[in-house]
Every structure is written in C-alpha cells, then in structure tokens.
C-alpha cells in the first residue's frame, strides 16, 4: 500500500463506522442526473445540495455528453431518471488543447498511437454546453420527455449559471 491508499482506507473506516444509509433504494430518489466534469475543484453534492440517494452524478473529462451517453441511458432507461443537468465549468482543461496536441503527448510519453481516440476538447465553453445539450436532445436514446438543461459552474465563485434552460 502507499501512503495515499493507507490514508484513504483510514478515512473510509471512519466514514463506515457511522454510516447509516445502507438501505437507500437503487434508483435515485429525486429522479435526476447531473453530468459534470471530473475536475477536482468541483464537488457536485456540496454545490447543488445533493444528498446521498438523491441523484446520479456522472463525471468525465469536460462533462462530455458523448462520453457520458452510456451512463445517461442506464440512468434513464433502467433506473428511472427523467431530468438531466449538464454542467461544464470555467477553467476547464478541455479548453486548453486540441486532439492533435493530445495525440502528440500520448505518442511522446507512451509511444502509442491514439489517433483513433477523440479526446473531445472544446474551444469555447458556452458553445460546448449548447452543443452537448443539443446532442442529448437529438439522441434517439434520450426521450423527448426528459428535461435537459445546460449550466456553467464558476470555479472561482462556486455559482452556477444557466446557459440552456430546460
């Protein structure tokens, strides 16, 4: 084990010693999902007041709807969610590179050809929110009855700003 895994294991033991939510139902109680970025500066539960069991929170690099679609389908079709909040954020790393940049770094660092991978970077934040919401709304896998909204979380202030209303 490493110092990190030792620390995380100790933290979990403390958490588990007073854990009382083991009987929560599998489907999210409030029937919505949040698709947001994996950025460590975002705590979706704290920022949005999400309690354990309330919602699904899907996280990936850049809050990509394309990358998150599999989880979105499972959340809706198998577990009954009926609303999606797509939340990208200011200062996102996905704004800082192109696919070509990522391919070059992978080749340099790993000696591997990643040309078949779309890293899904985007050059403009608000447009990326609009594009991902449009992708979800056009998807045959997301029913028209599902409310979809697009947001930007400001890492500097903790506030969210609505870009695409539901």
N, C-alpha and C. Protein backbone atom coordinates (compact mmCIF):
# COMPACT_ATOMS: atom_id res chain seq x y z
N UNK A 1 0.85 -1.19 0.00
CA UNK A 1 0.00 0.00 0.00
C UNK A 1 0.88 1.25 0.00
N UNK A 2 0.31 2.32 -0.47
CA UNK A 2 1.01 3.60 -0.46
C UNK A 2 0.47 4.45 0.69
N UNK A 3 1.14 5.55 0.95
CA UNK A 3 0.66 6.47 1.99
C UNK A 3 -0.75 6.95 1.64
N UNK A 4 -0.99 7.21 0.36
CA UNK A 4 -2.32 7.66 -0.07
C UNK A 4 -3.37 6.59 0.19
N UNK A 5 -3.12 5.36 -0.22
CA UNK A 5 -4.13 4.32 -0.01
C UNK A 5 -4.33 4.02 1.47
N UNK A 6 -3.26 4.11 2.25
CA UNK A 6 -3.41 3.95 3.70
C UNK A 6 -4.33 5.03 4.27
N UNK A 7 -4.11 6.26 3.83
CA UNK A 7 -4.92 7.39 4.32
C UNK A 7 -6.37 7.23 3.90
N UNK A 8 -6.59 6.88 2.63
CA UNK A 8 -7.96 6.71 2.15
C UNK A 8 -8.66 5.56 2.87
N UNK A 9 -7.94 4.49 3.12
CA UNK A 9 -8.51 3.36 3.84
C UNK A 9 -8.89 3.75 5.27
N UNK A 10 -8.04 4.52 5.92
CA UNK A 10 -8.34 5.00 7.27
C UNK A 10 -9.55 5.93 7.26
N UNK A 11 -9.59 6.83 6.27
CA UNK A 11 -10.73 7.74 6.15
C UNK A 11 -12.02 6.96 5.93
N UNK A 12 -11.96 5.90 5.12
CA UNK A 12 -13.15 5.11 4.86
C UNK A 12 -13.60 4.37 6.11
N UNK A 13 -12.67 3.87 6.88
CA UNK A 13 -13.05 3.18 8.11
C UNK A 13 -13.80 4.12 9.05
N UNK A 14 -13.36 5.35 9.12
CA UNK A 14 -14.04 6.34 9.95
C UNK A 14 -15.45 6.61 9.41
N UNK A 15 -15.55 6.79 8.10
CA UNK A 15 -16.84 7.04 7.45
C UNK A 15 -17.79 5.86 7.68
N UNK A 16 -17.30 4.66 7.43
CA UNK A 16 -18.13 3.47 7.54
C UNK A 16 -18.59 3.21 8.97
N UNK A 17 -17.81 3.65 9.96
CA UNK A 17 -18.16 3.38 11.35
C UNK A 17 -19.45 4.08 11.78
N UNK A 18 -19.81 5.16 11.08
CA UNK A 18 -21.05 5.86 11.43
C UNK A 18 -22.04 5.90 10.26
N UNK A 19 -21.81 5.07 9.25
CA UNK A 19 -22.67 5.05 8.06
C UNK A 19 -24.03 4.47 8.39
N UNK A 20 -25.10 5.19 7.99
CA UNK A 20 -26.46 4.75 8.31
C UNK A 20 -27.38 4.75 7.08
N UNK A 21 -26.81 4.86 5.89
CA UNK A 21 -27.64 5.00 4.69
C UNK A 21 -27.63 3.76 3.80
N UNK A 22 -27.33 2.61 4.36
CA UNK A 22 -27.22 1.39 3.59
C UNK A 22 -28.52 0.86 3.04
N UNK A 23 -29.64 1.40 3.45
CA UNK A 23 -30.94 0.91 2.99
C UNK A 23 -31.56 1.77 1.89
N UNK A 24 -30.81 2.73 1.36
CA UNK A 24 -31.35 3.57 0.29
C UNK A 24 -31.69 2.72 -0.93
N UNK A 25 -32.73 3.12 -1.65
CA UNK A 25 -33.15 2.41 -2.86
C UNK A 25 -32.13 2.63 -3.98
N UNK A 26 -32.05 1.70 -4.91
CA UNK A 26 -31.14 1.80 -6.04
C UNK A 26 -31.45 3.00 -6.94
N UNK A 27 -32.69 3.20 -7.38
CA UNK A 27 -32.95 4.37 -8.23
C UNK A 27 -32.80 5.66 -7.43
N UNK A 28 -32.33 6.72 -8.08
CA UNK A 28 -32.21 7.99 -7.37
C UNK A 28 -33.58 8.54 -6.97
N UNK A 29 -33.70 8.94 -5.73
CA UNK A 29 -34.99 9.35 -5.17
C UNK A 29 -35.61 10.54 -5.89
N UNK A 30 -34.78 11.47 -6.35
CA UNK A 30 -35.32 12.68 -6.98
C UNK A 30 -35.34 12.60 -8.49
N UNK A 31 -34.97 11.45 -9.05
CA UNK A 31 -35.13 11.12 -10.47
C UNK A 31 -34.43 12.08 -11.43
N UNK A 32 -33.24 12.56 -11.05
CA UNK A 32 -32.47 13.36 -11.99
C UNK A 32 -31.03 12.93 -11.98
N UNK A 33 -30.32 13.37 -13.01
CA UNK A 33 -28.90 13.10 -13.06
C UNK A 33 -28.16 14.38 -13.41
N UNK A 34 -26.95 14.44 -12.90
CA UNK A 34 -26.05 15.56 -13.18
C UNK A 34 -24.88 14.99 -13.96
N UNK A 35 -24.61 15.57 -15.10
CA UNK A 35 -23.45 15.20 -15.89
C UNK A 35 -22.47 16.36 -15.78
N UNK A 36 -21.35 16.13 -15.12
CA UNK A 36 -20.40 17.21 -14.90
C UNK A 36 -18.98 16.72 -15.11
N UNK A 37 -18.04 17.61 -14.97
CA UNK A 37 -16.64 17.31 -15.22
C UNK A 37 -16.00 16.59 -14.03
N UNK A 38 -14.93 15.88 -14.31
CA UNK A 38 -14.18 15.17 -13.27
C UNK A 38 -13.24 16.09 -12.50
N UNK A 39 -13.19 17.35 -12.86
CA UNK A 39 -12.28 18.31 -12.24
C UNK A 39 -12.38 18.25 -10.71
N UNK A 40 -11.25 18.17 -10.06
CA UNK A 40 -11.20 18.02 -8.60
C UNK A 40 -11.69 19.26 -7.85
N UNK A 41 -11.85 20.37 -8.56
CA UNK A 41 -12.34 21.60 -7.91
C UNK A 41 -13.86 21.64 -7.82
N UNK A 42 -14.53 20.63 -8.34
CA UNK A 42 -15.99 20.60 -8.34
C UNK A 42 -16.47 19.53 -7.37
N UNK A 43 -17.33 19.94 -6.45
CA UNK A 43 -17.99 19.00 -5.53
C UNK A 43 -19.48 19.12 -5.81
N UNK A 44 -20.01 18.31 -6.75
CA UNK A 44 -21.40 18.46 -7.16
C UNK A 44 -22.39 18.36 -6.00
N UNK A 45 -22.15 17.45 -5.08
CA UNK A 45 -23.08 17.29 -3.96
C UNK A 45 -23.14 18.56 -3.13
N UNK A 46 -22.01 19.12 -2.79
CA UNK A 46 -21.98 20.34 -1.98
C UNK A 46 -22.52 21.53 -2.76
N UNK A 47 -22.11 21.66 -4.02
CA UNK A 47 -22.50 22.82 -4.82
C UNK A 47 -23.99 22.87 -5.13
N UNK A 48 -24.62 21.69 -5.23
CA UNK A 48 -26.02 21.63 -5.63
C UNK A 48 -26.94 21.13 -4.52
N UNK A 49 -26.39 20.82 -3.37
CA UNK A 49 -27.21 20.32 -2.27
C UNK A 49 -27.75 18.94 -2.51
N UNK A 50 -26.98 18.09 -3.16
CA UNK A 50 -27.41 16.73 -3.46
C UNK A 50 -27.09 15.84 -2.25
N UNK A 51 -28.12 15.21 -1.73
CA UNK A 51 -27.95 14.27 -0.62
C UNK A 51 -27.72 12.87 -1.18
N UNK A 52 -27.10 12.02 -0.40
CA UNK A 52 -26.88 10.64 -0.79
C UNK A 52 -28.23 10.00 -1.15
N UNK A 53 -28.28 9.41 -2.32
CA UNK A 53 -29.51 8.76 -2.77
C UNK A 53 -30.41 9.63 -3.63
N UNK A 54 -30.13 10.93 -3.71
CA UNK A 54 -30.98 11.86 -4.48
C UNK A 54 -30.87 11.70 -5.98
N UNK A 55 -29.64 11.61 -6.49
CA UNK A 55 -29.40 11.75 -7.93
C UNK A 55 -28.21 10.91 -8.37
N UNK A 56 -28.15 10.66 -9.66
CA UNK A 56 -26.94 10.11 -10.25
C UNK A 56 -26.02 11.27 -10.60
N UNK A 57 -24.76 11.11 -10.34
CA UNK A 57 -23.76 12.11 -10.75
C UNK A 57 -22.76 11.39 -11.64
N UNK A 58 -22.75 11.81 -12.90
CA UNK A 58 -21.86 11.23 -13.91
C UNK A 58 -20.74 12.23 -14.14
N UNK A 59 -19.51 11.77 -14.03
CA UNK A 59 -18.37 12.67 -14.19
C UNK A 59 -17.41 12.11 -15.24
N UNK A 60 -16.98 13.00 -16.11
CA UNK A 60 -15.94 12.63 -17.08
C UNK A 60 -15.20 13.91 -17.48
N UNK A 61 -14.14 13.76 -18.21
CA UNK A 61 -13.35 14.91 -18.64
C UNK A 61 -14.21 15.83 -19.51
N UNK A 62 -14.44 17.05 -19.05
CA UNK A 62 -15.18 18.04 -19.81
C UNK A 62 -16.68 17.94 -19.74
N UNK A 63 -17.23 17.08 -18.91
CA UNK A 63 -18.68 16.88 -18.84
C UNK A 63 -19.24 16.56 -20.22
N UNK A 64 -18.59 15.66 -20.92
CA UNK A 64 -18.96 15.32 -22.28
C UNK A 64 -20.21 14.46 -22.34
N UNK A 65 -21.22 14.95 -23.06
CA UNK A 65 -22.44 14.17 -23.26
C UNK A 65 -22.17 12.94 -24.12
N UNK A 66 -21.28 13.07 -25.09
CA UNK A 66 -20.92 11.95 -25.95
C UNK A 66 -20.30 10.84 -25.09
N UNK A 67 -19.36 11.20 -24.26
CA UNK A 67 -18.67 10.25 -23.40
C UNK A 67 -19.60 9.69 -22.32
N UNK A 68 -20.55 10.47 -21.88
CA UNK A 68 -21.45 10.05 -20.80
C UNK A 68 -22.72 9.36 -21.24
N UNK A 69 -22.93 9.23 -22.54
CA UNK A 69 -24.22 8.73 -23.05
C UNK A 69 -24.58 7.35 -22.50
N UNK A 70 -23.63 6.45 -22.42
CA UNK A 70 -23.91 5.10 -21.89
C UNK A 70 -24.51 5.19 -20.49
N UNK A 71 -23.90 6.00 -19.64
CA UNK A 71 -24.40 6.16 -18.27
C UNK A 71 -25.75 6.86 -18.25
N UNK A 72 -25.94 7.83 -19.13
CA UNK A 72 -27.23 8.53 -19.23
C UNK A 72 -28.34 7.54 -19.58
N UNK A 73 -28.09 6.69 -20.56
CA UNK A 73 -29.10 5.70 -20.97
C UNK A 73 -29.44 4.77 -19.81
N UNK A 74 -28.43 4.27 -19.13
CA UNK A 74 -28.67 3.37 -17.99
C UNK A 74 -29.46 4.09 -16.91
N UNK A 75 -29.09 5.32 -16.61
CA UNK A 75 -29.77 6.09 -15.58
C UNK A 75 -31.25 6.28 -15.90
N UNK A 76 -31.55 6.60 -17.15
CA UNK A 76 -32.93 6.85 -17.55
C UNK A 76 -33.73 5.57 -17.77
N UNK A 77 -33.20 4.70 -18.59
CA UNK A 77 -33.96 3.54 -19.02
C UNK A 77 -34.07 2.45 -17.96
N UNK A 78 -33.04 2.30 -17.16
CA UNK A 78 -33.05 1.22 -16.16
C UNK A 78 -33.35 1.71 -14.75
N UNK A 79 -33.10 3.01 -14.50
CA UNK A 79 -33.24 3.49 -13.13
C UNK A 79 -34.15 4.70 -12.98
N UNK A 80 -34.84 5.08 -14.05
CA UNK A 80 -35.97 5.99 -13.94
C UNK A 80 -35.72 7.48 -13.83
N UNK A 81 -34.53 7.95 -14.15
CA UNK A 81 -34.34 9.40 -14.09
C UNK A 81 -35.06 10.06 -15.26
N UNK A 82 -35.48 11.30 -15.06
CA UNK A 82 -36.23 11.99 -16.11
C UNK A 82 -35.81 13.45 -16.29
N UNK A 83 -34.65 13.79 -15.75
CA UNK A 83 -34.12 15.14 -15.94
C UNK A 83 -32.59 15.08 -15.93
N UNK A 84 -31.98 15.89 -16.81
CA UNK A 84 -30.53 15.95 -16.92
C UNK A 84 -30.07 17.39 -16.74
N UNK A 85 -29.12 17.59 -15.84
CA UNK A 85 -28.42 18.86 -15.72
C UNK A 85 -27.01 18.63 -16.21
N UNK A 86 -26.65 19.24 -17.33
CA UNK A 86 -25.30 19.15 -17.87
C UNK A 86 -24.55 20.38 -17.37
N UNK A 87 -23.46 20.15 -16.64
CA UNK A 87 -22.74 21.27 -16.02
C UNK A 87 -21.27 21.21 -16.39
N UNK A 88 -20.85 22.12 -17.26
CA UNK A 88 -19.43 22.32 -17.56
C UNK A 88 -18.92 23.40 -16.61
N UNK A 89 -17.65 23.81 -16.74
CA UNK A 89 -17.14 24.78 -15.78
C UNK A 89 -16.06 25.68 -16.35
N UNK A 90 -15.90 26.81 -15.72
CA UNK A 90 -14.84 27.74 -16.11
C UNK A 90 -13.49 27.09 -15.81
N UNK A 91 -12.49 27.50 -16.56
CA UNK A 91 -11.14 27.00 -16.32
C UNK A 91 -10.96 25.52 -16.62
N UNK A 92 -11.81 24.96 -17.48
CA UNK A 92 -11.74 23.53 -17.78
C UNK A 92 -10.50 23.22 -18.62
N UNK A 93 -9.85 22.14 -18.28
CA UNK A 93 -8.68 21.71 -19.04
C UNK A 93 -8.99 21.38 -20.48
N UNK A 94 -10.23 21.02 -20.78
CA UNK A 94 -10.61 20.67 -22.15
C UNK A 94 -10.57 21.87 -23.09
N UNK A 95 -10.47 23.06 -22.51
CA UNK A 95 -10.35 24.29 -23.30
C UNK A 95 -8.90 24.56 -23.71
N UNK A 96 -7.96 23.79 -23.18
CA UNK A 96 -6.53 24.15 -23.30
C UNK A 96 -5.76 23.36 -24.35
N UNK A 97 -6.41 22.43 -25.05
CA UNK A 97 -5.67 21.63 -26.02
C UNK A 97 -6.58 21.21 -27.17
N UNK A 98 -5.96 20.70 -28.22
CA UNK A 98 -6.69 20.13 -29.36
C UNK A 98 -6.44 18.63 -29.38
N UNK A 99 -7.20 17.92 -30.20
CA UNK A 99 -6.95 16.50 -30.36
C UNK A 99 -5.51 16.24 -30.80
N UNK A 100 -5.03 17.07 -31.71
CA UNK A 100 -3.66 16.89 -32.20
C UNK A 100 -2.65 17.03 -31.07
N UNK A 101 -2.87 17.99 -30.17
CA UNK A 101 -1.98 18.14 -29.01
C UNK A 101 -1.99 16.87 -28.16
N UNK A 102 -3.17 16.35 -27.88
CA UNK A 102 -3.30 15.15 -27.04
C UNK A 102 -2.64 13.95 -27.71
N UNK A 103 -2.85 13.79 -29.00
CA UNK A 103 -2.24 12.67 -29.73
C UNK A 103 -0.71 12.76 -29.66
N UNK A 104 -0.19 13.97 -29.82
CA UNK A 104 1.27 14.16 -29.78
C UNK A 104 1.84 13.83 -28.40
N UNK A 105 1.14 14.22 -27.34
CA UNK A 105 1.61 13.93 -25.98
C UNK A 105 1.58 12.43 -25.69
N UNK A 106 0.50 11.77 -26.11
CA UNK A 106 0.41 10.33 -25.91
C UNK A 106 1.54 9.62 -26.66
N UNK A 107 1.78 10.04 -27.88
CA UNK A 107 2.86 9.43 -28.68
C UNK A 107 4.21 9.66 -28.00
N UNK A 108 4.45 10.89 -27.55
CA UNK A 108 5.74 11.22 -26.92
C UNK A 108 5.93 10.46 -25.60
N UNK A 109 4.91 10.48 -24.74
CA UNK A 109 5.05 9.91 -23.40
C UNK A 109 4.90 8.40 -23.35
N UNK A 110 4.05 7.86 -24.22
CA UNK A 110 3.75 6.43 -24.15
C UNK A 110 4.22 5.64 -25.37
N UNK A 111 4.57 6.36 -26.43
CA UNK A 111 4.95 5.67 -27.66
C UNK A 111 3.78 4.97 -28.31
N UNK A 112 2.58 5.42 -28.02
CA UNK A 112 1.36 4.78 -28.52
C UNK A 112 0.62 5.71 -29.48
N UNK A 113 -0.01 5.13 -30.47
CA UNK A 113 -0.79 5.88 -31.45
C UNK A 113 -2.23 5.99 -30.95
N UNK A 114 -2.65 7.19 -30.59
CA UNK A 114 -4.01 7.41 -30.08
C UNK A 114 -4.90 8.10 -31.12
N UNK A 115 -4.50 8.03 -32.38
CA UNK A 115 -5.24 8.77 -33.42
C UNK A 115 -6.69 8.32 -33.56
N UNK A 116 -7.02 7.14 -33.07
CA UNK A 116 -8.40 6.67 -33.13
C UNK A 116 -9.26 7.18 -31.99
N UNK A 117 -8.67 7.95 -31.09
CA UNK A 117 -9.41 8.47 -29.93
C UNK A 117 -9.73 9.94 -30.13
N UNK A 118 -10.98 10.29 -29.97
CA UNK A 118 -11.38 11.70 -29.94
C UNK A 118 -11.40 12.09 -28.47
N UNK A 119 -10.50 12.97 -28.07
CA UNK A 119 -10.42 13.40 -26.68
C UNK A 119 -11.50 14.42 -26.33
N UNK A 120 -12.28 14.83 -27.31
CA UNK A 120 -13.44 15.71 -27.14
C UNK A 120 -13.12 17.06 -26.49
N UNK A 121 -12.01 17.69 -26.90
CA UNK A 121 -11.74 19.03 -26.37
C UNK A 121 -12.73 20.03 -26.99
N UNK A 122 -12.80 21.20 -26.41
CA UNK A 122 -13.66 22.23 -26.99
C UNK A 122 -13.00 23.60 -26.81
N UNK A 123 -13.20 24.48 -27.80
CA UNK A 123 -12.52 25.78 -27.75
C UNK A 123 -13.31 26.89 -27.05
N UNK A 124 -14.64 26.68 -26.86
CA UNK A 124 -15.46 27.75 -26.28
C UNK A 124 -16.47 27.13 -25.33
N UNK A 125 -16.47 27.57 -24.09
CA UNK A 125 -17.24 26.95 -23.02
C UNK A 125 -18.74 26.97 -23.24
N UNK A 126 -19.33 28.13 -23.41
CA UNK A 126 -20.79 28.21 -23.53
C UNK A 126 -21.28 27.48 -24.77
N UNK A 127 -20.54 27.54 -25.86
CA UNK A 127 -20.94 26.82 -27.07
C UNK A 127 -20.87 25.32 -26.83
N UNK A 128 -19.89 24.87 -26.06
CA UNK A 128 -19.77 23.45 -25.75
C UNK A 128 -20.98 22.98 -24.93
N UNK A 129 -21.45 23.81 -24.00
CA UNK A 129 -22.66 23.48 -23.24
C UNK A 129 -23.84 23.34 -24.20
N UNK A 130 -24.01 24.31 -25.08
CA UNK A 130 -25.11 24.27 -26.04
C UNK A 130 -25.02 23.05 -26.95
N UNK A 131 -23.81 22.73 -27.41
CA UNK A 131 -23.62 21.58 -28.30
C UNK A 131 -23.95 20.27 -27.60
N UNK A 132 -23.53 20.13 -26.35
CA UNK A 132 -23.80 18.88 -25.63
C UNK A 132 -25.28 18.73 -25.29
N UNK A 133 -25.93 19.82 -24.92
CA UNK A 133 -27.37 19.75 -24.69
C UNK A 133 -28.09 19.37 -25.98
N UNK A 134 -27.70 19.99 -27.10
CA UNK A 134 -28.30 19.66 -28.40
C UNK A 134 -28.07 18.18 -28.74
N UNK A 135 -26.86 17.68 -28.47
CA UNK A 135 -26.56 16.27 -28.71
C UNK A 135 -27.53 15.37 -27.95
N UNK A 136 -27.74 15.66 -26.68
CA UNK A 136 -28.65 14.85 -25.86
C UNK A 136 -30.09 14.96 -26.35
N UNK A 137 -30.50 16.17 -26.71
CA UNK A 137 -31.88 16.37 -27.17
C UNK A 137 -32.14 15.67 -28.50
N UNK A 138 -31.12 15.56 -29.34
CA UNK A 138 -31.27 14.90 -30.64
C UNK A 138 -31.09 13.39 -30.56
N UNK A 139 -30.55 12.91 -29.47
CA UNK A 139 -30.25 11.49 -29.36
C UNK A 139 -31.52 10.65 -29.33
N UNK A 140 -31.52 9.58 -30.10
CA UNK A 140 -32.64 8.65 -30.08
C UNK A 140 -32.73 7.91 -28.75
N UNK A 141 -31.67 8.00 -27.94
CA UNK A 141 -31.62 7.30 -26.66
C UNK A 141 -32.10 8.13 -25.48
N UNK A 142 -32.46 9.38 -25.76
CA UNK A 142 -32.96 10.26 -24.71
C UNK A 142 -34.37 10.69 -25.12
N UNK A 143 -35.39 10.22 -24.42
CA UNK A 143 -36.77 10.56 -24.80
C UNK A 143 -37.03 12.06 -24.73
N UNK A 144 -37.94 12.52 -25.57
CA UNK A 144 -38.32 13.94 -25.58
C UNK A 144 -38.89 14.38 -24.24
N UNK A 145 -39.40 13.45 -23.46
CA UNK A 145 -40.00 13.78 -22.17
C UNK A 145 -38.95 14.12 -21.10
N UNK A 146 -37.69 13.86 -21.38
CA UNK A 146 -36.62 14.15 -20.41
C UNK A 146 -36.25 15.63 -20.50
N UNK A 147 -36.32 16.32 -19.37
CA UNK A 147 -35.91 17.72 -19.32
C UNK A 147 -34.39 17.78 -19.28
N UNK A 148 -33.81 18.62 -20.15
CA UNK A 148 -32.36 18.76 -20.23
C UNK A 148 -32.01 20.24 -20.15
N UNK A 149 -31.13 20.59 -19.24
CA UNK A 149 -30.66 21.96 -19.13
C UNK A 149 -29.14 21.98 -19.13
N UNK A 150 -28.57 23.12 -19.51
CA UNK A 150 -27.12 23.27 -19.57
C UNK A 150 -26.65 24.41 -18.71
N UNK A 151 -25.56 24.20 -18.00
CA UNK A 151 -25.07 25.14 -17.00
C UNK A 151 -23.57 25.30 -17.07
N UNK A 152 -23.09 26.39 -16.50
CA UNK A 152 -21.65 26.59 -16.29
C UNK A 152 -21.44 26.84 -14.80
N UNK A 153 -20.58 26.03 -14.22
CA UNK A 153 -20.16 26.20 -12.83
C UNK A 153 -18.93 27.09 -12.83
N UNK A 154 -18.97 28.12 -12.02
CA UNK A 154 -17.83 29.04 -11.93
C UNK A 154 -16.92 28.58 -10.79
N UNK A 155 -15.75 28.03 -11.15
CA UNK A 155 -14.85 27.52 -10.11
C UNK A 155 -14.34 28.64 -9.21
N UNK A 156 -14.38 29.86 -9.69
CA UNK A 156 -13.90 30.99 -8.92
C UNK A 156 -14.86 31.42 -7.81
N UNK A 157 -16.17 31.18 -8.02
CA UNK A 157 -17.18 31.66 -7.08
C UNK A 157 -18.06 30.55 -6.49
N UNK A 158 -18.09 29.39 -7.14
CA UNK A 158 -18.98 28.32 -6.71
C UNK A 158 -20.40 28.44 -7.24
N UNK A 159 -20.68 29.47 -8.03
CA UNK A 159 -22.02 29.68 -8.57
C UNK A 159 -22.20 28.93 -9.88
N UNK A 160 -23.47 28.56 -10.18
CA UNK A 160 -23.79 28.02 -11.48
C UNK A 160 -24.63 29.03 -12.25
N UNK A 161 -24.41 29.06 -13.56
CA UNK A 161 -25.12 29.99 -14.44
C UNK A 161 -25.83 29.16 -15.51
N UNK A 162 -27.12 29.40 -15.67
CA UNK A 162 -27.89 28.66 -16.66
C UNK A 162 -27.60 29.19 -18.06
N UNK A 163 -27.21 28.29 -18.94
CA UNK A 163 -26.91 28.63 -20.34
C UNK A 163 -28.03 28.17 -21.25
N UNK A 164 -28.55 26.96 -21.00
CA UNK A 164 -29.65 26.40 -21.80
C UNK A 164 -30.75 25.98 -20.82
N UNK A 165 -31.85 26.74 -20.78
CA UNK A 165 -32.96 26.35 -19.89
C UNK A 165 -33.59 25.03 -20.32
N UNK A 166 -34.19 24.33 -19.38
CA UNK A 166 -34.87 23.06 -19.68
C UNK A 166 -36.10 23.31 -20.52
